[in-house]
């Protein structure tokens, strides 16, 4: 996965709470284990009407959302089934970070393993971001900070190993494989 050091982008707000993974990527589109090609189905039941036409009222279909890489979602995004495809769909669509006050554990883990940053902020910051969609913000993974347009810096939690993997562009398996020489040396060490 590519390294994630900083993300600077306008935001797009999707204030719905309890967005489950079937809403992020409906099960009928889970036809591949390739990580690409799911972006066109992201939020398919909300983005398109029954005839497949774009729903003009949906946040991601608004002209202001074009090119935005940061999604501000309502509380508890990623609940429901554990499908990794939800993170893949967001990344394939171009979303690099999701900001909320709460993430479902498995969705948060799947996101981090794939280079999608799930960023938890406090309630006042979250409320401000939802009320002001389209603002330009900056995320610094090294310092684990979110900088708002007025210069306010908000610290966010990020586990040390997850931070290391994002900054270095490796997932857990990639990290383990990078340690194969040391593991082999240890395994062959006389005891």
N, C-alpha and C. Protein backbone atom coordinates (compact mmCIF):
# COMPACT_ATOMS: atom_id res chain seq x y z
N UNK A 1 0.85 -1.18 0.00
CA UNK A 1 0.00 0.00 0.00
C UNK A 1 0.89 1.24 0.00
N UNK A 2 0.40 2.32 -0.57
CA UNK A 2 1.22 3.54 -0.59
C UNK A 2 1.33 4.15 0.80
N UNK A 3 2.45 4.82 1.04
CA UNK A 3 2.64 5.49 2.32
C UNK A 3 1.64 6.65 2.45
N UNK A 4 1.19 6.88 3.67
CA UNK A 4 0.27 7.98 3.96
C UNK A 4 0.96 8.86 5.00
N UNK A 5 1.42 10.02 4.57
CA UNK A 5 2.12 10.93 5.49
C UNK A 5 1.27 12.16 5.77
N UNK A 6 0.79 12.81 4.74
CA UNK A 6 -0.10 13.95 4.90
C UNK A 6 -1.24 13.85 3.91
N UNK A 7 -2.36 14.37 4.29
CA UNK A 7 -3.52 14.44 3.40
C UNK A 7 -4.05 15.87 3.52
N UNK A 8 -4.10 16.56 2.41
CA UNK A 8 -4.66 17.91 2.40
C UNK A 8 -5.77 17.91 1.35
N UNK A 9 -6.97 18.24 1.80
CA UNK A 9 -8.11 18.15 0.88
C UNK A 9 -9.30 18.90 1.43
N UNK A 10 -10.23 19.18 0.53
CA UNK A 10 -11.56 19.62 0.96
C UNK A 10 -12.27 18.41 1.56
N UNK A 11 -13.26 18.70 2.37
CA UNK A 11 -14.04 17.62 2.98
C UNK A 11 -15.38 17.48 2.27
N UNK A 12 -15.95 16.31 2.39
CA UNK A 12 -17.34 16.09 1.99
C UNK A 12 -18.02 15.47 3.21
N UNK A 13 -19.19 15.99 3.57
CA UNK A 13 -19.86 15.56 4.79
C UNK A 13 -21.02 14.62 4.47
N UNK A 14 -21.08 13.55 5.22
CA UNK A 14 -22.17 12.58 5.13
C UNK A 14 -22.63 12.34 6.56
N UNK A 15 -23.55 13.17 7.07
CA UNK A 15 -23.85 13.19 8.50
C UNK A 15 -24.67 12.02 9.04
N UNK A 16 -25.03 11.07 8.22
CA UNK A 16 -25.81 9.93 8.70
C UNK A 16 -25.04 9.18 9.79
N UNK A 17 -25.75 8.72 10.80
CA UNK A 17 -25.13 7.90 11.85
C UNK A 17 -25.35 6.43 11.55
N UNK A 18 -24.52 5.59 12.17
CA UNK A 18 -24.63 4.14 12.02
C UNK A 18 -24.60 3.70 10.55
N UNK A 19 -23.68 4.24 9.79
CA UNK A 19 -23.53 3.83 8.39
C UNK A 19 -22.87 2.45 8.39
N UNK A 20 -23.61 1.44 7.97
CA UNK A 20 -23.04 0.10 8.00
C UNK A 20 -22.32 -0.23 6.70
N UNK A 21 -21.56 -1.30 6.73
CA UNK A 21 -20.73 -1.63 5.57
C UNK A 21 -21.57 -2.02 4.36
N UNK A 22 -22.82 -2.47 4.56
CA UNK A 22 -23.66 -2.78 3.42
C UNK A 22 -24.13 -1.50 2.74
N UNK A 23 -24.20 -0.41 3.47
CA UNK A 23 -24.50 0.87 2.84
C UNK A 23 -23.26 1.41 2.11
N UNK A 24 -22.10 1.16 2.68
CA UNK A 24 -20.86 1.63 2.04
C UNK A 24 -20.65 0.89 0.72
N UNK A 25 -20.79 -0.44 0.75
CA UNK A 25 -20.67 -1.24 -0.47
C UNK A 25 -21.66 -2.41 -0.35
N UNK A 26 -22.79 -2.32 -1.04
CA UNK A 26 -23.80 -3.38 -0.94
C UNK A 26 -23.24 -4.75 -1.30
N UNK A 27 -23.73 -5.77 -0.62
CA UNK A 27 -23.20 -7.14 -0.76
C UNK A 27 -23.23 -7.64 -2.20
N UNK A 28 -24.20 -7.21 -2.99
CA UNK A 28 -24.31 -7.74 -4.36
C UNK A 28 -23.11 -7.36 -5.24
N UNK A 29 -22.31 -6.40 -4.78
CA UNK A 29 -21.14 -5.99 -5.56
C UNK A 29 -19.84 -6.66 -5.09
N UNK A 30 -19.93 -7.54 -4.11
CA UNK A 30 -18.74 -8.20 -3.59
C UNK A 30 -18.39 -9.42 -4.43
N UNK A 31 -18.01 -9.17 -5.65
CA UNK A 31 -17.80 -10.26 -6.60
C UNK A 31 -16.34 -10.49 -6.92
N UNK A 32 -15.46 -9.81 -6.21
CA UNK A 32 -14.03 -9.94 -6.51
C UNK A 32 -13.21 -9.77 -5.23
N UNK A 33 -12.04 -10.34 -5.23
CA UNK A 33 -11.12 -10.12 -4.12
C UNK A 33 -10.00 -9.16 -4.53
N UNK A 34 -10.13 -8.59 -5.72
CA UNK A 34 -9.21 -7.53 -6.13
C UNK A 34 -9.62 -6.26 -5.39
N UNK A 35 -8.66 -5.44 -5.05
CA UNK A 35 -8.98 -4.24 -4.29
C UNK A 35 -9.48 -3.10 -5.17
N UNK A 36 -9.45 -3.26 -6.46
CA UNK A 36 -9.86 -2.16 -7.34
C UNK A 36 -11.21 -2.44 -7.99
N UNK A 37 -11.85 -1.39 -8.42
CA UNK A 37 -13.11 -1.50 -9.13
C UNK A 37 -14.35 -1.34 -8.27
N UNK A 38 -14.18 -1.13 -6.97
CA UNK A 38 -15.34 -1.01 -6.09
C UNK A 38 -15.82 0.43 -5.91
N UNK A 39 -15.01 1.40 -6.30
CA UNK A 39 -15.39 2.80 -6.12
C UNK A 39 -16.68 3.17 -6.84
N UNK A 40 -16.92 2.57 -7.99
CA UNK A 40 -18.14 2.89 -8.73
C UNK A 40 -19.39 2.39 -8.01
N UNK A 41 -19.23 1.49 -7.06
CA UNK A 41 -20.37 0.96 -6.30
C UNK A 41 -20.46 1.54 -4.89
N UNK A 42 -19.54 2.44 -4.54
CA UNK A 42 -19.55 3.04 -3.20
C UNK A 42 -20.90 3.72 -2.94
N UNK A 43 -21.51 3.39 -1.84
CA UNK A 43 -22.82 3.94 -1.45
C UNK A 43 -23.84 3.83 -2.60
N UNK A 44 -23.79 2.74 -3.35
CA UNK A 44 -24.59 2.59 -4.57
C UNK A 44 -26.08 2.81 -4.33
N UNK A 45 -26.60 2.32 -3.21
CA UNK A 45 -28.04 2.46 -2.98
C UNK A 45 -28.43 3.88 -2.60
N UNK A 46 -27.48 4.70 -2.24
CA UNK A 46 -27.74 6.11 -1.92
C UNK A 46 -27.35 7.01 -3.09
N UNK A 47 -26.33 6.60 -3.85
CA UNK A 47 -25.83 7.46 -4.94
C UNK A 47 -26.70 7.39 -6.19
N UNK A 48 -27.41 6.27 -6.37
CA UNK A 48 -28.16 6.08 -7.61
C UNK A 48 -29.62 5.76 -7.31
N UNK A 49 -30.50 6.18 -8.23
CA UNK A 49 -31.91 5.81 -8.07
C UNK A 49 -32.12 4.40 -8.63
N UNK A 50 -33.35 3.93 -8.61
CA UNK A 50 -33.65 2.57 -9.06
C UNK A 50 -33.30 2.29 -10.51
N UNK A 51 -33.22 3.36 -11.32
CA UNK A 51 -32.88 3.20 -12.74
C UNK A 51 -31.38 3.35 -12.99
N UNK A 52 -30.61 3.57 -11.92
CA UNK A 52 -29.16 3.71 -12.06
C UNK A 52 -28.69 5.12 -12.34
N UNK A 53 -29.60 6.08 -12.21
CA UNK A 53 -29.22 7.48 -12.43
C UNK A 53 -28.69 8.08 -11.12
N UNK A 54 -27.70 8.96 -11.20
CA UNK A 54 -27.16 9.57 -9.98
C UNK A 54 -28.24 10.36 -9.23
N UNK A 55 -28.25 10.17 -7.92
CA UNK A 55 -29.14 10.92 -7.04
C UNK A 55 -28.49 12.27 -6.77
N UNK A 56 -29.05 13.33 -7.35
CA UNK A 56 -28.44 14.66 -7.26
C UNK A 56 -28.36 15.17 -5.84
N UNK A 57 -29.20 14.65 -4.94
CA UNK A 57 -29.20 15.13 -3.55
C UNK A 57 -28.14 14.47 -2.69
N UNK A 58 -27.53 13.40 -3.16
CA UNK A 58 -26.56 12.68 -2.33
C UNK A 58 -25.24 13.45 -2.28
N UNK A 59 -24.65 13.52 -1.09
CA UNK A 59 -23.46 14.36 -0.85
C UNK A 59 -22.32 14.08 -1.83
N UNK A 60 -22.04 12.82 -2.12
CA UNK A 60 -20.92 12.51 -3.00
C UNK A 60 -21.21 12.83 -4.46
N UNK A 61 -22.47 13.11 -4.79
CA UNK A 61 -22.82 13.47 -6.16
C UNK A 61 -22.85 14.98 -6.37
N UNK A 62 -22.64 15.74 -5.31
CA UNK A 62 -22.65 17.20 -5.42
C UNK A 62 -21.37 17.66 -6.13
N UNK A 63 -21.45 18.68 -6.97
CA UNK A 63 -20.23 19.17 -7.64
C UNK A 63 -19.12 19.54 -6.65
N UNK A 64 -19.47 20.07 -5.49
CA UNK A 64 -18.46 20.46 -4.50
C UNK A 64 -17.69 19.26 -3.94
N UNK A 65 -18.24 18.08 -4.08
CA UNK A 65 -17.57 16.89 -3.55
C UNK A 65 -16.52 16.33 -4.51
N UNK A 66 -16.56 16.76 -5.74
CA UNK A 66 -15.61 16.23 -6.74
C UNK A 66 -14.17 16.48 -6.29
N UNK A 67 -13.40 15.44 -6.25
CA UNK A 67 -11.99 15.55 -5.89
C UNK A 67 -11.72 15.62 -4.41
N UNK A 68 -12.74 15.59 -3.57
CA UNK A 68 -12.52 15.60 -2.11
C UNK A 68 -11.98 14.24 -1.69
N UNK A 69 -10.98 14.25 -0.82
CA UNK A 69 -10.36 13.00 -0.37
C UNK A 69 -10.64 12.69 1.10
N UNK A 70 -11.39 13.58 1.75
CA UNK A 70 -11.68 13.37 3.17
C UNK A 70 -13.19 13.37 3.37
N UNK A 71 -13.70 12.26 3.91
CA UNK A 71 -15.12 12.12 4.20
C UNK A 71 -15.35 12.35 5.68
N UNK A 72 -16.28 13.25 6.01
CA UNK A 72 -16.68 13.45 7.40
C UNK A 72 -18.02 12.74 7.55
N UNK A 73 -18.01 11.66 8.31
CA UNK A 73 -19.20 10.83 8.45
C UNK A 73 -19.80 11.01 9.84
N UNK A 74 -21.07 10.64 9.96
CA UNK A 74 -21.71 10.67 11.26
C UNK A 74 -21.12 9.62 12.19
N UNK A 75 -21.60 9.63 13.41
CA UNK A 75 -21.09 8.71 14.44
C UNK A 75 -21.32 7.25 14.04
N UNK A 76 -20.35 6.40 14.38
CA UNK A 76 -20.43 4.95 14.21
C UNK A 76 -20.50 4.52 12.75
N UNK A 77 -19.50 4.89 12.00
CA UNK A 77 -19.42 4.43 10.61
C UNK A 77 -18.71 3.08 10.55
N UNK A 78 -19.18 2.22 9.66
CA UNK A 78 -18.53 0.93 9.43
C UNK A 78 -19.07 -0.20 10.27
N UNK A 79 -20.22 0.01 10.90
CA UNK A 79 -20.82 -1.08 11.68
C UNK A 79 -21.37 -2.13 10.70
N UNK A 80 -21.84 -3.23 11.22
CA UNK A 80 -22.38 -4.29 10.36
C UNK A 80 -21.35 -5.35 10.07
N UNK A 81 -21.37 -5.90 8.88
CA UNK A 81 -20.48 -7.02 8.56
C UNK A 81 -19.03 -6.54 8.44
N UNK A 82 -18.14 -7.49 8.47
CA UNK A 82 -16.71 -7.16 8.53
C UNK A 82 -16.06 -7.04 7.16
N UNK A 83 -16.81 -6.82 6.13
CA UNK A 83 -16.24 -6.84 4.78
C UNK A 83 -15.15 -5.78 4.58
N UNK A 84 -14.00 -6.26 4.15
CA UNK A 84 -12.86 -5.40 3.86
C UNK A 84 -13.13 -4.54 2.63
N UNK A 85 -14.09 -5.00 1.81
CA UNK A 85 -14.43 -4.27 0.59
C UNK A 85 -14.89 -2.84 0.87
N UNK A 86 -15.39 -2.57 2.08
CA UNK A 86 -15.85 -1.21 2.40
C UNK A 86 -14.67 -0.24 2.35
N UNK A 87 -13.56 -0.64 2.94
CA UNK A 87 -12.36 0.21 2.87
C UNK A 87 -11.86 0.31 1.43
N UNK A 88 -11.88 -0.81 0.71
CA UNK A 88 -11.42 -0.80 -0.68
C UNK A 88 -12.27 0.16 -1.52
N UNK A 89 -13.60 0.13 -1.32
CA UNK A 89 -14.50 0.99 -2.11
C UNK A 89 -14.21 2.47 -1.84
N UNK A 90 -14.02 2.82 -0.58
CA UNK A 90 -13.72 4.22 -0.26
C UNK A 90 -12.40 4.64 -0.91
N UNK A 91 -11.37 3.80 -0.78
CA UNK A 91 -10.08 4.14 -1.38
C UNK A 91 -10.18 4.21 -2.90
N UNK A 92 -10.88 3.27 -3.50
CA UNK A 92 -11.00 3.25 -4.96
C UNK A 92 -11.77 4.47 -5.47
N UNK A 93 -12.66 5.00 -4.67
CA UNK A 93 -13.40 6.21 -5.03
C UNK A 93 -12.53 7.45 -4.89
N UNK A 94 -11.48 7.35 -4.08
CA UNK A 94 -10.58 8.50 -3.89
C UNK A 94 -10.56 9.05 -2.48
N UNK A 95 -11.34 8.45 -1.59
CA UNK A 95 -11.33 8.89 -0.18
C UNK A 95 -10.08 8.32 0.48
N UNK A 96 -9.32 9.18 1.15
CA UNK A 96 -8.08 8.75 1.81
C UNK A 96 -8.21 8.75 3.34
N UNK A 97 -9.19 9.50 3.84
CA UNK A 97 -9.40 9.55 5.29
C UNK A 97 -10.88 9.73 5.57
N UNK A 98 -11.34 9.14 6.65
CA UNK A 98 -12.72 9.31 7.12
C UNK A 98 -12.63 9.86 8.53
N UNK A 99 -13.37 10.93 8.78
CA UNK A 99 -13.38 11.56 10.10
C UNK A 99 -14.74 11.31 10.73
N UNK A 100 -14.73 10.90 11.99
CA UNK A 100 -15.96 10.69 12.74
C UNK A 100 -15.63 10.75 14.24
N UNK A 101 -16.64 10.54 15.05
CA UNK A 101 -16.41 10.45 16.49
C UNK A 101 -16.31 9.00 16.93
N UNK A 102 -16.69 8.08 16.04
CA UNK A 102 -16.70 6.66 16.41
C UNK A 102 -16.69 5.79 15.16
N UNK A 103 -15.86 4.76 15.20
CA UNK A 103 -15.79 3.79 14.10
C UNK A 103 -16.07 2.40 14.66
N UNK A 104 -16.70 1.56 13.87
CA UNK A 104 -16.80 0.15 14.24
C UNK A 104 -15.39 -0.43 14.22
N UNK A 105 -15.08 -1.28 15.20
CA UNK A 105 -13.71 -1.78 15.36
C UNK A 105 -13.16 -2.47 14.12
N UNK A 106 -13.93 -3.38 13.53
CA UNK A 106 -13.42 -4.14 12.39
C UNK A 106 -13.22 -3.22 11.18
N UNK A 107 -14.14 -2.29 10.98
CA UNK A 107 -13.99 -1.35 9.87
C UNK A 107 -12.73 -0.49 10.07
N UNK A 108 -12.51 -0.04 11.30
CA UNK A 108 -11.32 0.76 11.60
C UNK A 108 -10.05 -0.05 11.31
N UNK A 109 -10.05 -1.32 11.75
CA UNK A 109 -8.89 -2.18 11.51
C UNK A 109 -8.68 -2.43 10.02
N UNK A 110 -9.75 -2.75 9.30
CA UNK A 110 -9.64 -2.98 7.86
C UNK A 110 -9.15 -1.72 7.14
N UNK A 111 -9.61 -0.57 7.59
CA UNK A 111 -9.19 0.69 6.97
C UNK A 111 -7.69 0.88 7.13
N UNK A 112 -7.22 0.73 8.34
CA UNK A 112 -5.79 0.93 8.60
C UNK A 112 -4.93 -0.06 7.83
N UNK A 113 -5.38 -1.30 7.70
CA UNK A 113 -4.61 -2.32 6.98
C UNK A 113 -4.51 -2.03 5.48
N UNK A 114 -5.40 -1.15 5.00
CA UNK A 114 -5.42 -0.85 3.57
C UNK A 114 -4.99 0.57 3.24
N UNK A 115 -4.59 1.33 4.25
CA UNK A 115 -4.11 2.69 3.99
C UNK A 115 -5.17 3.76 4.00
N UNK A 116 -6.36 3.44 4.51
CA UNK A 116 -7.42 4.43 4.69
C UNK A 116 -7.38 4.88 6.14
N UNK A 117 -7.23 6.17 6.38
CA UNK A 117 -7.07 6.68 7.74
C UNK A 117 -8.43 6.95 8.39
N UNK A 118 -8.79 6.18 9.44
CA UNK A 118 -10.00 6.47 10.21
C UNK A 118 -9.62 7.41 11.36
N UNK A 119 -10.11 8.61 11.32
CA UNK A 119 -9.65 9.65 12.23
C UNK A 119 -10.77 10.03 13.19
N UNK A 120 -10.54 9.80 14.48
CA UNK A 120 -11.53 10.11 15.52
C UNK A 120 -11.24 11.49 16.09
N UNK A 121 -12.25 12.34 16.08
CA UNK A 121 -12.12 13.68 16.65
C UNK A 121 -13.16 13.87 17.75
N UNK A 122 -12.98 14.92 18.53
CA UNK A 122 -13.92 15.24 19.60
C UNK A 122 -15.24 15.76 19.02
N UNK A 123 -16.27 15.74 19.84
CA UNK A 123 -17.62 16.13 19.39
C UNK A 123 -17.67 17.55 18.82
N UNK A 124 -17.08 18.57 19.48
CA UNK A 124 -17.17 19.93 18.92
C UNK A 124 -16.50 20.03 17.54
N UNK A 125 -15.34 19.41 17.37
CA UNK A 125 -14.67 19.45 16.06
C UNK A 125 -15.51 18.74 15.02
N UNK A 126 -16.06 17.59 15.38
CA UNK A 126 -16.90 16.83 14.47
C UNK A 126 -18.13 17.63 14.05
N UNK A 127 -18.78 18.24 15.02
CA UNK A 127 -19.98 19.04 14.73
C UNK A 127 -19.63 20.21 13.80
N UNK A 128 -18.49 20.84 14.03
CA UNK A 128 -18.08 21.96 13.17
C UNK A 128 -17.83 21.48 11.75
N UNK A 129 -17.14 20.35 11.60
CA UNK A 129 -16.85 19.82 10.27
C UNK A 129 -18.12 19.43 9.53
N UNK A 130 -19.09 18.85 10.25
CA UNK A 130 -20.35 18.49 9.60
C UNK A 130 -21.13 19.73 9.16
N UNK A 131 -21.02 20.79 9.95
CA UNK A 131 -21.75 22.03 9.64
C UNK A 131 -21.06 22.86 8.56
N UNK A 132 -19.81 22.53 8.27
CA UNK A 132 -19.03 23.30 7.28
C UNK A 132 -18.41 22.38 6.23
N UNK A 133 -19.22 21.68 5.45
CA UNK A 133 -18.65 20.78 4.44
C UNK A 133 -17.91 21.58 3.38
N UNK A 134 -16.92 20.95 2.80
CA UNK A 134 -16.18 21.58 1.70
C UNK A 134 -15.00 22.42 2.15
N UNK A 135 -14.71 22.43 3.45
CA UNK A 135 -13.55 23.20 3.91
C UNK A 135 -12.27 22.43 3.63
N UNK A 136 -11.19 23.17 3.47
CA UNK A 136 -9.88 22.55 3.24
C UNK A 136 -9.23 22.28 4.59
N UNK A 137 -8.86 21.04 4.84
CA UNK A 137 -8.19 20.67 6.08
C UNK A 137 -6.92 19.92 5.73
N UNK A 138 -6.05 19.78 6.73
CA UNK A 138 -4.79 19.07 6.53
C UNK A 138 -4.61 18.05 7.65
N UNK A 139 -4.21 16.86 7.27
CA UNK A 139 -3.96 15.79 8.23
C UNK A 139 -2.48 15.42 8.15
N UNK A 140 -1.82 15.40 9.30
CA UNK A 140 -0.42 15.01 9.37
C UNK A 140 -0.33 13.72 10.20
N UNK A 141 0.00 12.62 9.55
CA UNK A 141 0.05 11.33 10.24
C UNK A 141 1.23 11.28 11.21
N UNK A 142 2.35 11.88 10.84
CA UNK A 142 3.53 11.86 11.71
C UNK A 142 3.21 12.49 13.07
N UNK A 143 2.59 13.64 13.06
CA UNK A 143 2.28 14.33 14.32
C UNK A 143 0.89 14.01 14.84
N UNK A 144 0.15 13.19 14.09
CA UNK A 144 -1.25 12.83 14.39
C UNK A 144 -2.07 14.07 14.74
N UNK A 145 -2.07 14.99 13.77
CA UNK A 145 -2.85 16.22 13.94
C UNK A 145 -3.70 16.51 12.71
N UNK A 146 -4.82 17.13 12.98
CA UNK A 146 -5.73 17.64 11.96
C UNK A 146 -5.72 19.15 12.10
N UNK A 147 -5.44 19.86 11.02
CA UNK A 147 -5.43 21.31 11.06
C UNK A 147 -6.65 21.84 10.31
N UNK A 148 -7.44 22.64 11.02
CA UNK A 148 -8.66 23.22 10.46
C UNK A 148 -8.32 24.50 9.70
N UNK A 149 -9.24 25.02 8.89
CA UNK A 149 -8.94 26.22 8.09
C UNK A 149 -8.54 27.44 8.92
N UNK A 150 -9.01 27.54 10.13
CA UNK A 150 -8.66 28.71 10.97
C UNK A 150 -7.35 28.51 11.72
N UNK A 151 -6.64 27.42 11.44
CA UNK A 151 -5.36 27.16 12.07
C UNK A 151 -5.44 26.33 13.34
N UNK A 152 -6.64 26.05 13.79
CA UNK A 152 -6.80 25.19 14.97
C UNK A 152 -6.23 23.81 14.68
N UNK A 153 -5.41 23.32 15.60
CA UNK A 153 -4.80 22.00 15.45
C UNK A 153 -5.46 21.05 16.44
N UNK A 154 -5.97 19.95 15.91
CA UNK A 154 -6.67 18.95 16.71
C UNK A 154 -5.85 17.67 16.70
N UNK A 155 -5.47 17.19 17.85
CA UNK A 155 -4.72 15.94 17.97
C UNK A 155 -5.70 14.76 17.86
N UNK A 156 -5.30 13.70 17.17
CA UNK A 156 -6.17 12.52 17.08
C UNK A 156 -5.38 11.28 17.49
N UNK A 157 -6.08 10.28 18.05
CA UNK A 157 -5.39 9.05 18.47
C UNK A 157 -5.07 8.16 17.27
N UNK A 158 -3.92 7.53 17.33
CA UNK A 158 -3.52 6.54 16.32
C UNK A 158 -2.49 5.63 16.95
N UNK A 159 -2.77 4.34 16.97
CA UNK A 159 -1.87 3.38 17.57
C UNK A 159 -0.50 3.43 16.88
N UNK A 160 0.55 3.19 17.67
CA UNK A 160 1.91 3.31 17.17
C UNK A 160 2.23 2.44 15.97
N UNK A 161 1.81 1.16 16.01
CA UNK A 161 2.13 0.26 14.89
C UNK A 161 1.34 0.67 13.64
N UNK A 162 0.09 1.05 13.81
CA UNK A 162 -0.71 1.51 12.67
C UNK A 162 -0.09 2.76 12.06
N UNK A 163 0.37 3.67 12.90
CA UNK A 163 1.02 4.89 12.43
C UNK A 163 2.29 4.54 11.65
N UNK A 164 3.09 3.61 12.18
CA UNK A 164 4.31 3.17 11.50
C UNK A 164 3.96 2.60 10.11
N UNK A 165 2.95 1.73 10.06
CA UNK A 165 2.59 1.11 8.78
C UNK A 165 2.12 2.15 7.77
N UNK A 166 1.30 3.11 8.20
CA UNK A 166 0.83 4.15 7.28
C UNK A 166 2.01 4.98 6.76
N UNK A 167 2.87 5.40 7.66
CA UNK A 167 4.00 6.26 7.26
C UNK A 167 4.96 5.54 6.34
N UNK A 168 5.08 4.21 6.48
CA UNK A 168 6.02 3.44 5.68
C UNK A 168 5.38 2.67 4.54
N UNK A 169 4.07 2.76 4.41
CA UNK A 169 3.39 2.10 3.30
C UNK A 169 3.47 0.59 3.33
N UNK A 170 3.37 0.02 4.51
CA UNK A 170 3.37 -1.44 4.63
C UNK A 170 2.17 -1.89 5.47
N UNK A 171 1.62 -3.04 5.12
CA UNK A 171 0.58 -3.62 5.97
C UNK A 171 1.26 -4.60 6.93
N UNK A 172 0.48 -5.27 7.76
CA UNK A 172 1.06 -6.17 8.75
C UNK A 172 1.90 -7.27 8.11
N UNK A 173 1.38 -7.86 7.02
CA UNK A 173 2.13 -8.91 6.33
C UNK A 173 3.41 -8.36 5.72
N UNK A 174 3.32 -7.19 5.11
CA UNK A 174 4.50 -6.56 4.54
C UNK A 174 5.56 -6.29 5.59
N UNK A 175 5.12 -5.85 6.77
CA UNK A 175 6.07 -5.60 7.86
C UNK A 175 6.73 -6.92 8.28
N UNK A 176 5.91 -7.96 8.43
CA UNK A 176 6.45 -9.26 8.85
C UNK A 176 7.45 -9.79 7.84
N UNK A 177 7.12 -9.69 6.56
CA UNK A 177 8.03 -10.16 5.52
C UNK A 177 9.33 -9.36 5.50
N UNK A 178 9.25 -8.08 5.85
CA UNK A 178 10.47 -7.27 5.88
C UNK A 178 11.41 -7.71 7.01
N UNK A 179 10.89 -8.47 7.95
CA UNK A 179 11.69 -8.95 9.08
C UNK A 179 12.16 -10.39 8.87
N UNK A 180 12.00 -10.94 7.65
CA UNK A 180 12.28 -12.36 7.42
C UNK A 180 13.73 -12.72 7.71
N UNK A 181 14.69 -11.86 7.40
CA UNK A 181 16.09 -12.17 7.66
C UNK A 181 16.33 -12.32 9.16
N UNK A 182 15.79 -11.42 9.95
CA UNK A 182 15.96 -11.48 11.41
C UNK A 182 15.25 -12.71 11.97
N UNK A 183 14.08 -13.04 11.42
CA UNK A 183 13.34 -14.22 11.88
C UNK A 183 14.12 -15.48 11.55
N UNK A 184 14.68 -15.54 10.34
CA UNK A 184 15.47 -16.71 9.94
C UNK A 184 16.71 -16.86 10.82
N UNK A 185 17.36 -15.76 11.10
CA UNK A 185 18.54 -15.80 11.97
C UNK A 185 18.15 -16.33 13.35
N UNK A 186 17.06 -15.86 13.87
CA UNK A 186 16.60 -16.31 15.19
C UNK A 186 16.26 -17.80 15.16
N UNK A 187 15.56 -18.23 14.12
CA UNK A 187 15.12 -19.62 14.03
C UNK A 187 16.30 -20.59 13.90
N UNK A 188 17.39 -20.13 13.30
CA UNK A 188 18.55 -21.00 13.09
C UNK A 188 19.63 -20.81 14.16
N UNK A 189 19.34 -20.03 15.12
CA UNK A 189 20.29 -19.78 16.21
C UNK A 189 20.42 -21.04 17.06
N UNK A 190 21.65 -21.47 17.34
CA UNK A 190 21.83 -22.66 18.18
C UNK A 190 21.25 -22.41 19.58
N UNK A 191 20.62 -23.45 20.09
CA UNK A 191 20.03 -23.33 21.44
C UNK A 191 20.59 -24.37 22.36
